[in-house]
Amino acid sequence: AVHITNRYLDLQPVVAAAAQQLGLSVLVVALEPGDGEVFCRRSLWALIVRPERVASLQAAVSGTKALLPRPGFTAWTDGFSNLLGILK
């Protein structure tokens, strides 16, 4: 699991492209704080899984959605990244 909560950057396409490079799939789940949890905030998580596990995890973890790679998004590497491309 990768914590991808960020106010300023949309990290979903970064994770989706990395998973695609590895032949894996991504499920995104948003966790909401319960009533009375004053110090907790909403968080967004990416679950990186083998493609054959997607259906069973979607059934087991409520609120998950499949994350597909963004068309035209170039995967980040040691030699390439583009922060401007993921600004919200």
PDB file of N, CA and C in Angstrom:
ATOM      1  N   ALA A   1       0.850  -1.181   0.000  1.00  0.00           N
ATOM      2  CA  ALA A   1       0.000   0.000   0.000  1.00  0.00           C
ATOM      3  C   ALA A   1       0.890   1.236   0.000  1.00  0.00           C
ATOM      4  N   VAL A   2       0.437   2.255  -0.724  1.00  0.00           N
ATOM      5  CA  VAL A   2       1.164   3.515  -0.807  1.00  0.00           C
ATOM      6  C   VAL A   2       0.218   4.628  -0.374  1.00  0.00           C
ATOM      7  N   HIS A   3       0.651   5.431   0.585  1.00  0.00           N
ATOM      8  CA  HIS A   3      -0.143   6.569   1.041  1.00  0.00           C
ATOM      9  C   HIS A   3       0.034   7.698   0.028  1.00  0.00           C
ATOM     10  N   ILE A   4      -1.052   8.097  -0.640  1.00  0.00           N
ATOM     11  CA  ILE A   4      -0.939   9.092  -1.712  1.00  0.00           C
ATOM     12  C   ILE A   4      -1.733  10.364  -1.419  1.00  0.00           C
ATOM     13  N   THR A   5      -2.098  10.569  -0.164  1.00  0.00           N
ATOM     14  CA  THR A   5      -2.797  11.799   0.200  1.00  0.00           C
ATOM     15  C   THR A   5      -1.858  12.978   0.014  1.00  0.00           C
ATOM     16  N   ASN A   6      -2.321  13.998  -0.693  1.00  0.00           N
ATOM     17  CA  ASN A   6      -1.522  15.205  -0.870  1.00  0.00           C
ATOM     18  C   ASN A   6      -2.443  16.336  -1.300  1.00  0.00           C
ATOM     19  N   ARG A   7      -2.302  17.484  -0.676  1.00  0.00           N
ATOM     20  CA  ARG A   7      -3.161  18.628  -1.005  1.00  0.00           C
ATOM     21  C   ARG A   7      -2.823  19.243  -2.352  1.00  0.00           C
ATOM     22  N   TYR A   8      -1.593  19.136  -2.762  1.00  0.00           N
ATOM     23  CA  TYR A   8      -1.127  19.888  -3.927  1.00  0.00           C
ATOM     24  C   TYR A   8      -0.777  19.036  -5.144  1.00  0.00           C
ATOM     25  N   LEU A   9      -0.458  17.773  -4.916  1.00  0.00           N
ATOM     26  CA  LEU A   9      -0.028  16.899  -6.008  1.00  0.00           C
ATOM     27  C   LEU A   9      -0.993  15.731  -6.166  1.00  0.00           C
ATOM     28  N   ASP A  10      -1.320  15.393  -7.398  1.00  0.00           N
ATOM     29  CA  ASP A  10      -2.127  14.219  -7.694  1.00  0.00           C
ATOM     30  C   ASP A  10      -1.167  13.066  -7.966  1.00  0.00           C
ATOM     31  N   LEU A  11      -0.924  12.254  -6.964  1.00  0.00           N
ATOM     32  CA  LEU A  11       0.059  11.174  -7.078  1.00  0.00           C
ATOM     33  C   LEU A  11      -0.495   9.919  -7.750  1.00  0.00           C
ATOM     34  N   GLN A  12      -1.783   9.895  -8.032  1.00  0.00           N
ATOM     35  CA  GLN A  12      -2.383   8.707  -8.634  1.00  0.00           C
ATOM     36  C   GLN A  12      -1.756   8.317  -9.968  1.00  0.00           C
ATOM     37  N   PRO A  13      -1.536   9.237 -10.908  1.00  0.00           N
ATOM     38  CA  PRO A  13      -0.934   8.804 -12.176  1.00  0.00           C
ATOM     39  C   PRO A  13       0.504   8.319 -12.026  1.00  0.00           C
ATOM     40  N   VAL A  14       1.218   8.822 -11.033  1.00  0.00           N
ATOM     41  CA  VAL A  14       2.596   8.372 -10.790  1.00  0.00           C
ATOM     42  C   VAL A  14       2.587   6.908 -10.363  1.00  0.00           C
ATOM     43  N   VAL A  15       1.713   6.583  -9.415  1.00  0.00           N
ATOM     44  CA  VAL A  15       1.612   5.208  -8.918  1.00  0.00           C
ATOM     45  C   VAL A  15       1.076   4.283 -10.007  1.00  0.00           C
ATOM     46  N   ALA A  16       0.070   4.737 -10.743  1.00  0.00           N
ATOM     47  CA  ALA A  16      -0.513   3.902 -11.804  1.00  0.00           C
ATOM     48  C   ALA A  16       0.514   3.568 -12.880  1.00  0.00           C
ATOM     49  N   ALA A  17       1.322   4.548 -13.267  1.00  0.00           N
ATOM     50  CA  ALA A  17       2.339   4.309 -14.299  1.00  0.00           C
ATOM     51  C   ALA A  17       3.423   3.359 -13.800  1.00  0.00           C
ATOM     52  N   ALA A  18       3.827   3.514 -12.546  1.00  0.00           N
ATOM     53  CA  ALA A  18       4.843   2.620 -11.975  1.00  0.00           C
ATOM     54  C   ALA A  18       4.318   1.191 -11.912  1.00  0.00           C
ATOM     55  N   ALA A  19       3.070   1.033 -11.486  1.00  0.00           N
ATOM     56  CA  ALA A  19       2.476  -0.304 -11.411  1.00  0.00           C
ATOM     57  C   ALA A  19       2.370  -0.926 -12.797  1.00  0.00           C
ATOM     58  N   GLN A  20       1.974  -0.132 -13.777  1.00  0.00           N
ATOM     59  CA  GLN A  20       1.855  -0.639 -15.145  1.00  0.00           C
ATOM     60  C   GLN A  20       3.207  -1.143 -15.652  1.00  0.00           C
ATOM     61  N   GLN A  21       4.271  -0.422 -15.348  1.00  0.00           N
ATOM     62  CA  GLN A  21       5.617  -0.839 -15.760  1.00  0.00           C
ATOM     63  C   GLN A  21       5.974  -2.212 -15.185  1.00  0.00           C
ATOM     64  N   LEU A  22       5.408  -2.526 -14.013  1.00  0.00           N
ATOM     65  CA  LEU A  22       5.695  -3.794 -13.342  1.00  0.00           C
ATOM     66  C   LEU A  22       4.656  -4.874 -13.643  1.00  0.00           C
ATOM     67  N   GLY A  23       3.668  -4.543 -14.478  1.00  0.00           N
ATOM     68  CA  GLY A  23       2.618  -5.501 -14.801  1.00  0.00           C
ATOM     69  C   GLY A  23       1.625  -5.700 -13.673  1.00  0.00           C
ATOM     70  N   LEU A  24       1.459  -4.682 -12.820  1.00  0.00           N
ATOM     71  CA  LEU A  24       0.560  -4.773 -11.676  1.00  0.00           C
ATOM     72  C   LEU A  24      -0.631  -3.841 -11.856  1.00  0.00           C
ATOM     73  N   SER A  25      -1.627  -4.011 -11.008  1.00  0.00           N
ATOM     74  CA  SER A  25      -2.828  -3.173 -11.026  1.00  0.00           C
ATOM     75  C   SER A  25      -2.882  -2.346  -9.752  1.00  0.00           C
ATOM     76  N   VAL A  26      -3.699  -1.289  -9.777  1.00  0.00           N
ATOM     77  CA  VAL A  26      -3.822  -0.411  -8.611  1.00  0.00           C
ATOM     78  C   VAL A  26      -5.289  -0.239  -8.249  1.00  0.00           C
ATOM     79  N   LEU A  27      -5.572  -0.383  -6.969  1.00  0.00           N
ATOM     80  CA  LEU A  27      -6.878  -0.046  -6.417  1.00  0.00           C
ATOM     81  C   LEU A  27      -6.682   1.134  -5.490  1.00  0.00           C
ATOM     82  N   VAL A  28      -7.595   2.097  -5.543  1.00  0.00           N
ATOM     83  CA  VAL A  28      -7.522   3.265  -4.669  1.00  0.00           C
ATOM     84  C   VAL A  28      -8.653   3.169  -3.659  1.00  0.00           C
ATOM     85  N   VAL A  29      -8.329   3.469  -2.411  1.00  0.00           N
ATOM     86  CA  VAL A  29      -9.344   3.492  -1.358  1.00  0.00           C
ATOM     87  C   VAL A  29      -9.164   4.755  -0.523  1.00  0.00           C
ATOM     88  N   ALA A  30     -10.277   5.442  -0.285  1.00  0.00           N
ATOM     89  CA  ALA A  30     -10.270   6.641   0.558  1.00  0.00           C
ATOM     90  C   ALA A  30     -10.775   6.233   1.938  1.00  0.00           C
ATOM     91  N   LEU A  31      -9.996   6.531   2.949  1.00  0.00           N
ATOM     92  CA  LEU A  31     -10.385   6.221   4.322  1.00  0.00           C
ATOM     93  C   LEU A  31     -10.859   7.494   5.005  1.00  0.00           C
ATOM     94  N   GLU A  32     -12.051   7.444   5.541  1.00  0.00           N
ATOM     95  CA  GLU A  32     -12.648   8.591   6.219  1.00  0.00           C
ATOM     96  C   GLU A  32     -12.563   8.374   7.728  1.00  0.00           C
ATOM     97  N   PRO A  33     -12.267   9.439   8.494  1.00  0.00           N
ATOM     98  CA  PRO A  33     -12.235   9.290   9.951  1.00  0.00           C
ATOM     99  C   PRO A  33     -13.640   9.039  10.495  1.00  0.00           C
ATOM    100  N   GLY A  34     -13.699   8.307  11.581  1.00  0.00           N
ATOM    101  CA  GLY A  34     -14.978   8.042  12.218  1.00  0.00           C
ATOM    102  C   GLY A  34     -15.450   9.243  13.022  1.00  0.00           C
ATOM    103  N   ASP A  35     -16.686   9.205  13.449  1.00  0.00           N
ATOM    104  CA  ASP A  35     -17.232  10.275  14.279  1.00  0.00           C
ATOM    105  C   ASP A  35     -16.413  10.413  15.553  1.00  0.00           C
ATOM    106  N   GLY A  36     -16.097  11.639  15.904  1.00  0.00           N
ATOM    107  CA  GLY A  36     -15.357  11.902  17.134  1.00  0.00           C
ATOM    108  C   GLY A  36     -13.853  11.767  17.009  1.00  0.00           C
ATOM    109  N   GLU A  37     -13.350  11.396  15.850  1.00  0.00           N
ATOM    110  CA  GLU A  37     -11.900  11.283  15.662  1.00  0.00           C
ATOM    111  C   GLU A  37     -11.357  12.645  15.233  1.00  0.00           C
ATOM    112  N   VAL A  38     -11.071  13.473  16.226  1.00  0.00           N
ATOM    113  CA  VAL A  38     -10.698  14.865  16.001  1.00  0.00           C
ATOM    114  C   VAL A  38      -9.349  15.002  15.309  1.00  0.00           C
ATOM    115  N   PHE A  39      -8.421  14.123  15.606  1.00  0.00           N
ATOM    116  CA  PHE A  39      -7.061  14.254  15.087  1.00  0.00           C
ATOM    117  C   PHE A  39      -6.822  13.451  13.811  1.00  0.00           C
ATOM    118  N   CYS A  40      -7.844  12.831  13.294  1.00  0.00           N
ATOM    119  CA  CYS A  40      -7.708  12.043  12.069  1.00  0.00           C
ATOM    120  C   CYS A  40      -8.250  12.826  10.884  1.00  0.00           C
ATOM    121  N   ARG A  41      -7.665  12.616   9.748  1.00  0.00           N
ATOM    122  CA  ARG A  41      -8.088  13.254   8.505  1.00  0.00           C
ATOM    123  C   ARG A  41      -8.341  12.171   7.452  1.00  0.00           C
ATOM    124  N   ARG A  42      -9.045  12.565   6.400  1.00  0.00           N
ATOM    125  CA  ARG A  42      -9.268  11.664   5.276  1.00  0.00           C
ATOM    126  C   ARG A  42      -7.913  11.301   4.680  1.00  0.00           C
ATOM    127  N   SER A  43      -7.750  10.055   4.297  1.00  0.00           N
ATOM    128  CA  SER A  43      -6.500   9.646   3.657  1.00  0.00           C
ATOM    129  C   SER A  43      -6.812   8.812   2.419  1.00  0.00           C
ATOM    130  N   LEU A  44      -5.914   8.887   1.461  1.00  0.00           N
ATOM    131  CA  LEU A  44      -6.071   8.186   0.193  1.00  0.00           C
ATOM    132  C   LEU A  44      -4.920   7.199   0.047  1.00  0.00           C
ATOM    133  N   TRP A  45      -5.263   5.949  -0.238  1.00  0.00           N
ATOM    134  CA  TRP A  45      -4.271   4.884  -0.339  1.00  0.00           C
ATOM    135  C   TRP A  45      -4.368   4.193  -1.694  1.00  0.00           C
ATOM    136  N   ALA A  46      -3.222   3.806  -2.227  1.00  0.00           N
ATOM    137  CA  ALA A  46      -3.154   3.015  -3.455  1.00  0.00           C
ATOM    138  C   ALA A  46      -2.689   1.614  -3.075  1.00  0.00           C
ATOM    139  N   LEU A  47      -3.489   0.631  -3.403  1.00  0.00           N
ATOM    140  CA  LEU A  47      -3.138  -0.768  -3.161  1.00  0.00           C
ATOM    141  C   LEU A  47      -2.618  -1.343  -4.473  1.00  0.00           C
ATOM    142  N   ILE A  48      -1.370  -1.714  -4.498  1.00  0.00           N
ATOM    143  CA  ILE A  48      -0.747  -2.243  -5.714  1.00  0.00           C
ATOM    144  C   ILE A  48      -0.791  -3.765  -5.630  1.00  0.00           C
ATOM    145  N   VAL A  49      -1.480  -4.371  -6.590  1.00  0.00           N
ATOM    146  CA  VAL A  49      -1.764  -5.802  -6.509  1.00  0.00           C
ATOM    147  C   VAL A  49      -1.551  -6.485  -7.858  1.00  0.00           C
ATOM    148  N   ARG A  50      -1.450  -7.804  -7.802  1.00  0.00           N
ATOM    149  CA  ARG A  50      -1.430  -8.585  -9.036  1.00  0.00           C
ATOM    150  C   ARG A  50      -2.817  -8.495  -9.684  1.00  0.00           C
ATOM    151  N   PRO A  51      -2.877  -8.430 -11.000  1.00  0.00           N
ATOM    152  CA  PRO A  51      -4.171  -8.264 -11.684  1.00  0.00           C
ATOM    153  C   PRO A  51      -5.223  -9.296 -11.287  1.00  0.00           C
ATOM    154  N   GLU A  52      -4.802 -10.522 -11.030  1.00  0.00           N
ATOM    155  CA  GLU A  52      -5.776 -11.560 -10.675  1.00  0.00           C
ATOM    156  C   GLU A  52      -6.382 -11.355  -9.285  1.00  0.00           C
ATOM    157  N   ARG A  53      -5.837 -10.456  -8.486  1.00  0.00           N
ATOM    158  CA  ARG A  53      -6.350 -10.191  -7.132  1.00  0.00           C
ATOM    159  C   ARG A  53      -7.328  -9.015  -7.084  1.00  0.00           C
ATOM    160  N   VAL A  54      -7.481  -8.283  -8.172  1.00  0.00           N
ATOM    161  CA  VAL A  54      -8.311  -7.072  -8.168  1.00  0.00           C
ATOM    162  C   VAL A  54      -9.745  -7.370  -7.736  1.00  0.00           C
ATOM    163  N   ALA A  55     -10.396  -8.333  -8.365  1.00  0.00           N
ATOM    164  CA  ALA A  55     -11.803  -8.615  -8.072  1.00  0.00           C
ATOM    165  C   ALA A  55     -12.013  -9.021  -6.617  1.00  0.00           C
ATOM    166  N   SER A  56     -11.151  -9.884  -6.090  1.00  0.00           N
ATOM    167  CA  SER A  56     -11.340 -10.333  -4.708  1.00  0.00           C
ATOM    168  C   SER A  56     -11.094  -9.210  -3.706  1.00  0.00           C
ATOM    169  N   LEU A  57     -10.133  -8.334  -3.992  1.00  0.00           N
ATOM    170  CA  LEU A  57      -9.887  -7.211  -3.080  1.00  0.00           C
ATOM    171  C   LEU A  57     -10.997  -6.174  -3.151  1.00  0.00           C
ATOM    172  N   GLN A  58     -11.551  -5.951  -4.343  1.00  0.00           N
ATOM    173  CA  GLN A  58     -12.674  -5.017  -4.441  1.00  0.00           C
ATOM    174  C   GLN A  58     -13.869  -5.532  -3.648  1.00  0.00           C
ATOM    175  N   ALA A  59     -14.047  -6.836  -3.615  1.00  0.00           N
ATOM    176  CA  ALA A  59     -15.141  -7.417  -2.839  1.00  0.00           C
ATOM    177  C   ALA A  59     -14.855  -7.349  -1.339  1.00  0.00           C
ATOM    178  N   ALA A  60     -13.587  -7.474  -0.958  1.00  0.00           N
ATOM    179  CA  ALA A  60     -13.220  -7.515   0.460  1.00  0.00           C
ATOM    180  C   ALA A  60     -13.068  -6.138   1.092  1.00  0.00           C
ATOM    181  N   VAL A  61     -12.636  -5.150   0.313  1.00  0.00           N
ATOM    182  CA  VAL A  61     -12.378  -3.806   0.849  1.00  0.00           C
ATOM    183  C   VAL A  61     -13.394  -2.847   0.237  1.00  0.00           C
ATOM    184  N   SER A  62     -14.311  -2.362   1.056  1.00  0.00           N
ATOM    185  CA  SER A  62     -15.366  -1.493   0.525  1.00  0.00           C
ATOM    186  C   SER A  62     -14.802  -0.145   0.087  1.00  0.00           C
ATOM    187  N   GLY A  63     -15.374   0.386  -0.967  1.00  0.00           N
ATOM    188  CA  GLY A  63     -14.998   1.709  -1.447  1.00  0.00           C
ATOM    189  C   GLY A  63     -13.777   1.754  -2.340  1.00  0.00           C
ATOM    190  N   THR A  64     -13.265   0.600  -2.750  1.00  0.00           N
ATOM    191  CA  THR A  64     -12.099   0.619  -3.635  1.00  0.00           C
ATOM    192  C   THR A  64     -12.545   0.868  -5.071  1.00  0.00           C
ATOM    193  N   LYS A  65     -11.663   1.508  -5.821  1.00  0.00           N
ATOM    194  CA  LYS A  65     -11.918   1.681  -7.252  1.00  0.00           C
ATOM    195  C   LYS A  65     -10.622   1.410  -7.998  1.00  0.00           C
ATOM    196  N   ALA A  66     -10.761   0.831  -9.174  1.00  0.00           N
ATOM    197  CA  ALA A  66      -9.584   0.541  -9.991  1.00  0.00           C
ATOM    198  C   ALA A  66      -9.003   1.846 -10.519  1.00  0.00           C
ATOM    199  N   LEU A  67      -7.695   1.939 -10.498  1.00  0.00           N
ATOM    200  CA  LEU A  67      -7.002   3.121 -11.010  1.00  0.00           C
ATOM    201  C   LEU A  67      -6.314   2.739 -12.312  1.00  0.00           C
ATOM    202  N   LEU A  68      -6.747   3.352 -13.388  1.00  0.00           N
ATOM    203  CA  LEU A  68      -6.159   3.088 -14.698  1.00  0.00           C
ATOM    204  C   LEU A  68      -5.089   4.126 -14.996  1.00  0.00           C
ATOM    205  N   PRO A  69      -4.057   3.744 -15.736  1.00  0.00           N
ATOM    206  CA  PRO A  69      -3.017   4.716 -16.096  1.00  0.00           C
ATOM    207  C   PRO A  69      -3.603   5.878 -16.899  1.00  0.00           C
ATOM    208  N   ARG A  70      -3.076   7.063 -16.674  1.00  0.00           N
ATOM    209  CA  ARG A  70      -3.508   8.258 -17.412  1.00  0.00           C
ATOM    210  C   ARG A  70      -2.900   8.202 -18.813  1.00  0.00           C
ATOM    211  N   PRO A  71      -3.730   8.312 -19.859  1.00  0.00           N
ATOM    212  CA  PRO A  71      -3.192   8.297 -21.225  1.00  0.00           C
ATOM    213  C   PRO A  71      -2.159   9.405 -21.425  1.00  0.00           C
ATOM    214  N   GLY A  72      -1.033   9.049 -22.002  1.00  0.00           N
ATOM    215  CA  GLY A  72       0.017  10.018 -22.288  1.00  0.00           C
ATOM    216  C   GLY A  72       0.924  10.357 -21.120  1.00  0.00           C
ATOM    217  N   PHE A  73       0.648   9.793 -19.941  1.00  0.00           N
ATOM    218  CA  PHE A  73       1.487  10.083 -18.778  1.00  0.00           C
ATOM    219  C   PHE A  73       2.751   9.233 -18.856  1.00  0.00           C
ATOM    220  N   THR A  74       3.899   9.873 -18.734  1.00  0.00           N
ATOM    221  CA  THR A  74       5.177   9.168 -18.781  1.00  0.00           C
ATOM    222  C   THR A  74       5.562   8.727 -17.377  1.00  0.00           C
ATOM    223  N   ALA A  75       5.891   7.455 -17.245  1.00  0.00           N
ATOM    224  CA  ALA A  75       6.285   6.927 -15.937  1.00  0.00           C
ATOM    225  C   ALA A  75       7.543   7.624 -15.439  1.00  0.00           C
ATOM    226  N   TRP A  76       7.566   7.898 -14.154  1.00  0.00           N
ATOM    227  CA  TRP A  76       8.737   8.521 -13.548  1.00  0.00           C
ATOM    228  C   TRP A  76       9.852   7.497 -13.393  1.00  0.00           C
ATOM    229  N   THR A  77      11.069   7.967 -13.571  1.00  0.00           N
ATOM    230  CA  THR A  77      12.253   7.127 -13.410  1.00  0.00           C
ATOM    231  C   THR A  77      13.291   7.922 -12.632  1.00  0.00           C
ATOM    232  N   ASP A  78      14.462   7.341 -12.432  1.00  0.00           N
ATOM    233  CA  ASP A  78      15.552   8.083 -11.794  1.00  0.00           C
ATOM    234  C   ASP A  78      15.956   9.285 -12.635  1.00  0.00           C
ATOM    235  N   GLY A  79      15.758   9.198 -13.947  1.00  0.00           N
ATOM    236  CA  GLY A  79      16.172  10.269 -14.839  1.00  0.00           C
ATOM    237  C   GLY A  79      15.053  11.187 -15.313  1.00  0.00           C
ATOM    238  N   PHE A  80      13.798  10.905 -14.921  1.00  0.00           N
ATOM    239  CA  PHE A  80      12.689  11.732 -15.386  1.00  0.00           C
ATOM    240  C   PHE A  80      11.591  11.815 -14.340  1.00  0.00           C
ATOM    241  N   SER A  81      11.136  13.026 -14.091  1.00  0.00           N
ATOM    242  CA  SER A  81       9.923  13.278 -13.312  1.00  0.00           C
ATOM    243  C   SER A  81       9.381  14.630 -13.749  1.00  0.00           C
ATOM    244  N   ASN A  82       8.110  14.871 -13.486  1.00  0.00           N
ATOM    245  CA  ASN A  82       7.489  16.118 -13.913  1.00  0.00           C
ATOM    246  C   ASN A  82       6.469  16.551 -12.864  1.00  0.00           C
ATOM    247  N   LEU A  83       6.908  17.334 -11.885  1.00  0.00           N
ATOM    248  CA  LEU A  83       6.008  17.796 -10.832  1.00  0.00           C
ATOM    249  C   LEU A  83       4.888  18.676 -11.372  1.00  0.00           C
ATOM    250  N   LEU A  84       5.174  19.471 -12.388  1.00  0.00           N
ATOM    251  CA  LEU A  84       4.136  20.347 -12.937  1.00  0.00           C
ATOM    252  C   LEU A  84       2.978  19.544 -13.527  1.00  0.00           C
ATOM    253  N   GLY A  85       3.274  18.357 -14.016  1.00  0.00           N
ATOM    254  CA  GLY A  85       2.246  17.517 -14.619  1.00  0.00           C
ATOM    255  C   GLY A  85       1.284  16.892 -13.633  1.00  0.00           C
ATOM    256  N   ILE A  86       1.594  16.950 -12.335  1.00  0.00           N
ATOM    257  CA  ILE A  86       0.700  16.351 -11.345  1.00  0.00           C
ATOM    258  C   ILE A  86       0.155  17.369 -10.344  1.00  0.00           C
ATOM    259  N   LEU A  87       0.356  18.656 -10.625  1.00  0.00           N
ATOM    260  CA  LEU A  87      -0.227  19.685  -9.754  1.00  0.00           C
ATOM    261  C   LEU A  87      -1.743  19.622  -9.827  1.00  0.00           C
ATOM    262  N   LYS A  88      -2.388  19.778  -8.676  1.00  0.00           N
ATOM    263  CA  LYS A  88      -3.859  19.785  -8.651  1.00  0.00           C
ATOM    264  C   LYS A  88      -4.367  21.129  -9.092  1.00  0.00           C
TER     265      LYS A  88
END
